[in-house]
Amino acid sequence: MYHLAAIFPGIRRIPVPFSRDQVMMLMLSLNFLLLSVETYLAHLVSGTIVINEWIPILFSPAAGVVLLLAGILSFRKRNLAVILANLVFIASIVVGLLGAYFHLMRAILPDAPAGQQASIPLFIWAPPILAPLVYVLIGWIGVSTVWTEEPADSGKLVLNGEKTIQMPFSKTRAFFFLTSIGCLSTVISSVLDHSRTDFSNAWLWVPTIVGIFAATVAFVLGLYENPTRADLITYFCAMVLMILTGVMGLYLHIQIDLTSRGEVVVERLIQGAPFMAPMLFADIGAIGIIALLNPEKVSRE
């Protein structure tokens, strides 16, 4: 079903040159390119980037470029494009799991006395454990995107050749579930980060409330095989709120990082509030809206 058209019926008259999967792939490519910058800035906090911290920094731009290349190749050599894309997304999952492991090792004290190896303060002040899992989420969404679903919304994925695999639910519903996971991981990461300030600023509650609301709405929508227009409107509004929350967070973080005279100091941008981090809310919101696009193939005739 073309869910976005169910919300805005007039959109059916607008010709769309790309399929939903192609738009999603382009979005994921952009994600990798932006992650390279965000990860580099995040790893500069310690002052020195060690060897394992270079893994995501170097992988991200390479992954983005390869995905763009795969998108170009898909018009003539789809099988090769699928292989390249899957390799990138599987590698992304591995990079994310490795990153989560490295961050976790920084959050525990294995040599401390029993009962003190791990604590809530350690998890709050350590490198964000959930942050690297963004790579896992992108890889998961990417693998779900690569394979063609025929017919649309059937859950039947066409593998290389004529082999097919029947999934328990449609690709659209899978995107809703993955969006919910993205919202939940984002809000948990936000809560851990904002816990450093004891939520003294009332604005810090906004991303928490919006994130929980969006995660719940996306998950419930994924349970519905035939959602109503009211369900889709609620979901769309939740994703718009995610985007607005990200933009608002970007503005507030930049304001915190500026000097009293409104000047930009590189050290404050690196050591202060991570100005790109709130845009993960906007990123997940955009992915959630892309899931509403027409799942049908675009005719090239």
Protein backbone atom coordinates (compact mmCIF):
# COMPACT_ATOMS: atom_id res chain seq x y z
CA MET A 1 0.00 0.00 0.00
CA TYR A 2 1.09 3.54 -0.77
CA HIS A 3 0.67 4.79 2.80
CA LEU A 4 1.81 8.35 2.16
CA ALA A 5 -0.89 8.67 -0.51
CA ALA A 6 -3.44 7.46 2.01
CA ILE A 7 -2.48 10.44 4.17
CA PHE A 8 -2.18 12.91 1.27
CA PRO A 9 -4.34 11.60 -1.63
CA GLY A 10 -3.15 14.31 -4.02
CA ILE A 11 0.40 12.96 -3.94
CA ARG A 12 -0.54 10.20 -6.36
CA ARG A 13 -0.57 12.77 -9.17
CA ILE A 14 3.08 13.65 -8.55
CA PRO A 15 5.44 11.52 -10.70
CA VAL A 16 8.19 9.93 -8.59
CA PRO A 17 11.34 8.92 -10.56
CA PHE A 18 12.67 6.64 -7.79
CA SER A 19 11.28 3.67 -5.94
CA ARG A 20 11.03 3.57 -2.15
CA ASP A 21 13.99 1.18 -1.97
CA GLN A 22 16.15 3.52 -4.07
CA VAL A 23 15.26 6.49 -1.85
CA MET A 24 16.05 4.42 1.24
CA MET A 25 19.41 3.36 -0.22
CA LEU A 26 20.26 6.99 -0.98
CA MET A 27 19.32 7.92 2.59
CA LEU A 28 21.55 5.18 4.01
CA SER A 29 24.45 6.33 1.81
CA LEU A 30 24.03 9.84 3.19
CA ASN A 31 23.96 8.37 6.69
CA PHE A 32 27.36 6.78 6.23
CA LEU A 33 28.87 10.01 4.91
CA LEU A 34 27.52 12.03 7.84
CA LEU A 35 28.54 9.35 10.34
CA SER A 36 32.14 9.68 9.20
CA VAL A 37 32.14 13.33 10.33
CA GLU A 38 30.20 12.73 13.55
CA THR A 39 32.35 9.74 14.55
CA TYR A 40 35.55 11.66 13.85
CA LEU A 41 34.43 14.57 16.04
CA ALA A 42 33.28 12.21 18.81
CA HIS A 43 36.60 10.38 18.88
CA LEU A 44 38.52 13.65 19.06
CA VAL A 45 37.17 14.21 22.58
CA SER A 46 39.99 12.14 24.10
CA GLY A 47 42.55 14.20 22.23
CA THR A 48 44.13 11.20 20.52
CA ILE A 49 42.41 8.78 18.15
CA VAL A 50 43.64 5.23 18.74
CA ILE A 51 43.78 2.52 16.08
CA ASN A 52 40.40 0.88 16.72
CA GLU A 53 38.69 4.31 16.69
CA TRP A 54 39.80 4.77 13.09
CA ILE A 55 37.70 1.78 11.99
CA PRO A 56 34.33 3.60 11.75
CA ILE A 57 35.97 6.84 10.64
CA LEU A 58 37.53 5.18 7.57
CA PHE A 59 34.72 2.69 6.97
CA SER A 60 31.88 5.24 6.86
CA PRO A 61 32.90 7.32 3.81
CA ALA A 62 34.04 4.20 1.95
CA ALA A 63 30.66 2.54 2.64
CA GLY A 64 28.79 5.62 1.45
CA VAL A 65 30.75 5.77 -1.81
CA VAL A 66 30.34 2.02 -2.48
CA LEU A 67 26.58 2.27 -1.90
CA LEU A 68 26.34 5.15 -4.37
CA LEU A 69 28.30 3.07 -6.87
CA ALA A 70 25.98 0.11 -6.25
CA GLY A 71 23.00 2.37 -6.90
CA ILE A 72 24.42 3.36 -10.29
CA LEU A 73 25.26 -0.26 -11.17
CA SER A 74 21.76 -1.45 -10.22
CA PHE A 75 20.33 -0.03 -13.46
CA ARG A 76 22.43 -2.45 -15.57
CA LYS A 77 23.98 -5.06 -13.26
CA ARG A 78 21.53 -5.54 -10.43
CA ASN A 79 23.04 -8.79 -9.12
CA LEU A 80 26.47 -7.18 -8.74
CA ALA A 81 24.88 -4.14 -7.07
CA VAL A 82 23.02 -6.38 -4.61
CA ILE A 83 26.24 -8.21 -3.69
CA LEU A 84 28.14 -4.95 -3.15
CA ALA A 85 25.35 -3.45 -1.06
CA ASN A 86 24.98 -6.56 1.09
CA LEU A 87 28.73 -6.66 1.75
CA VAL A 88 28.60 -3.04 2.90
CA PHE A 89 25.62 -3.59 5.17
CA ILE A 90 27.00 -6.78 6.70
CA ALA A 91 30.31 -4.99 7.31
CA SER A 92 28.34 -2.14 8.91
CA ILE A 93 26.74 -4.57 11.36
CA VAL A 94 30.17 -5.96 12.27
CA VAL A 95 31.61 -2.44 12.74
CA GLY A 96 28.67 -1.51 14.97
CA LEU A 97 29.01 -4.60 17.16
CA LEU A 98 32.77 -4.07 17.48
CA GLY A 99 32.20 -0.44 18.43
CA ALA A 100 29.63 -1.38 21.06
CA TYR A 101 32.09 -3.90 22.51
CA PHE A 102 34.93 -1.36 22.65
CA HIS A 103 32.65 1.22 24.29
CA LEU A 104 31.41 -1.37 26.79
CA MET A 105 34.97 -2.22 27.77
CA ARG A 106 35.50 1.48 28.52
CA ALA A 107 32.39 1.48 30.74
CA ILE A 108 33.45 -1.29 33.12
CA LEU A 109 36.31 -1.73 35.58
CA PRO A 110 37.30 -5.42 35.41
CA ASP A 111 40.00 -5.01 38.08
CA ALA A 112 37.72 -3.26 40.58
CA PRO A 113 36.37 -5.04 43.69
CA ALA A 114 33.34 -7.27 43.28
CA GLY A 115 30.17 -5.28 42.75
CA GLN A 116 32.06 -2.21 41.53
CA GLN A 117 33.08 -3.36 38.06
CA ALA A 118 29.97 -1.81 36.55
CA SER A 119 27.69 0.96 37.76
CA ILE A 120 25.18 3.43 36.39
CA PRO A 121 27.56 6.42 36.70
CA LEU A 122 30.17 4.51 34.70
CA PHE A 123 27.69 3.88 31.90
CA ILE A 124 26.58 7.52 31.94
CA TRP A 125 30.08 9.02 31.75
CA ALA A 126 31.69 6.37 29.55
CA PRO A 127 31.67 6.57 25.72
CA PRO A 128 28.03 6.07 24.62
CA ILE A 129 27.56 2.32 24.40
CA LEU A 130 24.54 2.52 22.09
CA ALA A 131 26.09 5.00 19.66
CA PRO A 132 27.99 2.39 17.57
CA LEU A 133 24.78 0.37 17.24
CA VAL A 134 23.64 2.97 14.71
CA TYR A 135 25.85 1.06 12.27
CA VAL A 136 23.99 -2.14 13.15
CA LEU A 137 20.64 -0.45 12.56
CA ILE A 138 21.76 0.96 9.21
CA GLY A 139 23.06 -2.45 8.19
CA TRP A 140 19.80 -4.10 9.25
CA ILE A 141 17.67 -1.60 7.35
CA GLY A 142 20.00 -1.90 4.37
CA VAL A 143 19.78 -5.69 4.14
CA SER A 144 16.00 -5.37 4.34
CA THR A 145 16.06 -2.79 1.56
CA VAL A 146 18.35 -4.55 -0.92
CA TRP A 147 16.18 -7.56 -1.76
CA THR A 148 13.23 -7.06 -4.10
CA GLU A 149 9.79 -7.82 -2.72
CA GLU A 150 7.43 -9.32 -5.31
CA PRO A 151 4.59 -8.69 -5.21
CA ALA A 152 4.80 -5.54 -3.10
CA ASP A 153 3.75 -5.92 0.55
CA SER A 154 3.68 -9.71 0.21
CA GLY A 155 6.74 -10.37 2.35
CA LYS A 156 8.15 -12.57 -0.43
CA LEU A 157 11.73 -11.55 -1.16
CA VAL A 158 13.40 -12.45 -4.45
CA LEU A 159 16.99 -13.57 -3.98
CA ASN A 160 19.57 -13.98 -6.75
CA GLY A 161 18.07 -15.91 -9.64
CA GLU A 162 14.53 -17.18 -9.07
CA LYS A 163 14.91 -18.19 -5.44
CA THR A 164 12.49 -16.60 -3.00
CA ILE A 165 12.08 -16.49 0.75
CA GLN A 166 8.81 -15.79 2.54
CA MET A 167 9.18 -13.41 5.46
CA PRO A 168 6.69 -13.34 8.36
CA PHE A 169 5.56 -9.82 7.42
CA SER A 170 5.90 -7.32 4.59
CA LYS A 171 8.92 -5.11 3.99
CA THR A 172 6.82 -2.06 4.90
CA ARG A 173 5.96 -3.50 8.31
CA ALA A 174 9.62 -4.47 8.78
CA PHE A 175 10.57 -0.83 8.18
CA PHE A 176 8.05 0.24 10.84
CA PHE A 177 9.57 -2.17 13.37
CA LEU A 178 13.10 -1.03 12.51
CA THR A 179 12.03 2.60 12.82
CA SER A 180 10.66 1.80 16.27
CA ILE A 181 13.99 0.22 17.25
CA GLY A 182 15.78 3.29 15.90
CA CYS A 183 13.57 5.64 17.93
CA LEU A 184 14.03 3.57 21.09
CA SER A 185 17.82 3.34 20.81
CA THR A 186 18.00 7.06 20.07
CA VAL A 187 15.95 8.05 23.09
CA ILE A 188 17.91 5.71 25.40
CA SER A 189 21.19 7.19 24.16
CA SER A 190 19.74 10.68 24.66
CA VAL A 191 18.64 9.89 28.23
CA LEU A 192 22.07 8.52 29.14
CA ASP A 193 23.77 11.59 27.67
CA HIS A 194 21.40 14.07 29.30
CA SER A 195 21.68 12.27 32.66
CA ARG A 196 25.05 13.99 33.02
CA THR A 197 23.11 17.20 33.68
CA ASP A 198 20.46 15.57 35.93
CA PHE A 199 17.81 16.83 33.49
CA SER A 200 18.03 20.25 35.12
CA ASN A 201 16.93 21.88 31.87
CA ALA A 202 13.25 21.32 31.04
CA TRP A 203 14.07 21.16 27.30
CA LEU A 204 15.89 17.87 27.91
CA TRP A 205 12.54 16.16 28.51
CA VAL A 206 11.35 16.93 24.98
CA PRO A 207 13.48 14.34 23.14
CA THR A 208 12.69 11.77 25.84
CA ILE A 209 8.94 12.16 25.50
CA VAL A 210 8.99 12.45 21.70
CA GLY A 211 11.30 9.46 21.31
CA ILE A 212 9.18 7.18 23.50
CA PHE A 213 6.01 8.30 21.74
CA ALA A 214 7.48 7.75 18.25
CA ALA A 215 8.92 4.34 19.18
CA THR A 216 5.56 3.19 20.53
CA VAL A 217 3.58 4.46 17.53
CA ALA A 218 5.97 2.89 15.00
CA PHE A 219 5.92 -0.47 16.80
CA VAL A 220 2.12 -0.55 17.05
CA LEU A 221 1.77 0.40 13.38
CA GLY A 222 4.05 -2.48 12.46
CA LEU A 223 1.59 -4.85 14.14
CA TYR A 224 -1.22 -3.74 11.84
CA GLU A 225 -1.55 -5.44 8.48
CA ASN A 226 -4.04 -2.84 7.24
CA PRO A 227 -3.63 0.38 9.25
CA THR A 228 -6.32 3.06 9.00
CA ARG A 229 -5.72 6.57 7.74
CA ALA A 230 -5.89 7.84 11.33
CA ASP A 231 -3.14 5.35 12.31
CA LEU A 232 -0.95 6.55 9.45
CA ILE A 233 -1.53 10.22 10.28
CA THR A 234 -0.52 9.59 13.90
CA TYR A 235 2.63 7.82 12.73
CA PHE A 236 3.46 10.59 10.24
CA CYS A 237 3.04 13.24 12.94
CA ALA A 238 5.31 11.23 15.26
CA MET A 239 8.03 11.14 12.59
CA VAL A 240 7.66 14.89 11.96
CA LEU A 241 8.05 15.45 15.71
CA MET A 242 11.24 13.38 15.59
CA ILE A 243 12.61 15.58 12.80
CA LEU A 244 11.65 18.81 14.60
CA THR A 245 13.19 17.51 17.82
CA GLY A 246 16.44 16.81 16.00
CA VAL A 247 16.56 20.28 14.47
CA MET A 248 15.71 21.89 17.81
CA GLY A 249 18.40 19.83 19.55
CA LEU A 250 20.95 20.87 16.94
CA TYR A 251 20.14 24.53 17.59
CA LEU A 252 20.28 24.16 21.39
CA HIS A 253 23.54 22.20 21.33
CA ILE A 254 25.17 24.81 19.12
CA GLN A 255 23.96 27.59 21.42
CA ILE A 256 25.56 25.78 24.38
CA ASP A 257 28.83 25.37 22.49
CA LEU A 258 29.09 29.03 21.48
CA THR A 259 30.93 31.50 23.69
CA SER A 260 29.12 34.29 25.54
CA ARG A 261 29.83 36.51 22.53
CA GLY A 262 28.37 34.00 20.13
CA GLU A 263 31.77 33.01 18.79
CA VAL A 264 32.62 29.55 17.50
CA VAL A 265 35.54 27.85 19.22
CA VAL A 266 36.60 24.51 17.78
CA GLU A 267 37.58 23.11 21.19
CA ARG A 268 34.11 23.88 22.59
CA LEU A 269 32.44 22.16 19.62
CA ILE A 270 34.53 19.04 20.21
CA GLN A 271 34.46 18.93 24.01
CA GLY A 272 31.02 20.44 24.55
CA ALA A 273 27.54 19.24 23.69
CA PRO A 274 27.81 17.05 20.55
CA PHE A 275 26.07 19.29 18.05
CA MET A 276 25.42 16.56 15.47
CA ALA A 277 24.03 13.99 17.93
CA PRO A 278 20.47 15.39 18.07
CA MET A 279 20.18 15.02 14.30
CA LEU A 280 19.87 11.28 14.83
CA PHE A 281 16.28 12.04 15.85
CA ALA A 282 15.74 13.79 12.51
CA ASP A 283 17.50 10.95 10.69
CA ILE A 284 15.24 8.25 12.16
CA GLY A 285 12.19 10.43 11.51
CA ALA A 286 13.17 10.80 7.85
CA ILE A 287 13.72 7.04 7.50
CA GLY A 288 10.30 6.51 9.06
CA ILE A 289 8.67 8.78 6.49
CA ILE A 290 10.50 7.08 3.62
CA ALA A 291 8.89 3.82 4.79
CA LEU A 292 5.53 5.37 3.81
CA LEU A 293 6.50 5.73 0.15
CA ASN A 294 5.09 3.54 -2.61
CA PRO A 295 6.57 0.02 -2.37
CA GLU A 296 5.73 -0.66 -6.03
CA LYS A 297 8.48 -0.60 -8.65
CA VAL A 298 8.81 2.59 -10.66
CA SER A 299 7.98 2.11 -14.32
CA ARG A 300 10.82 3.16 -16.67
CA GLU A 301 8.67 3.08 -19.81
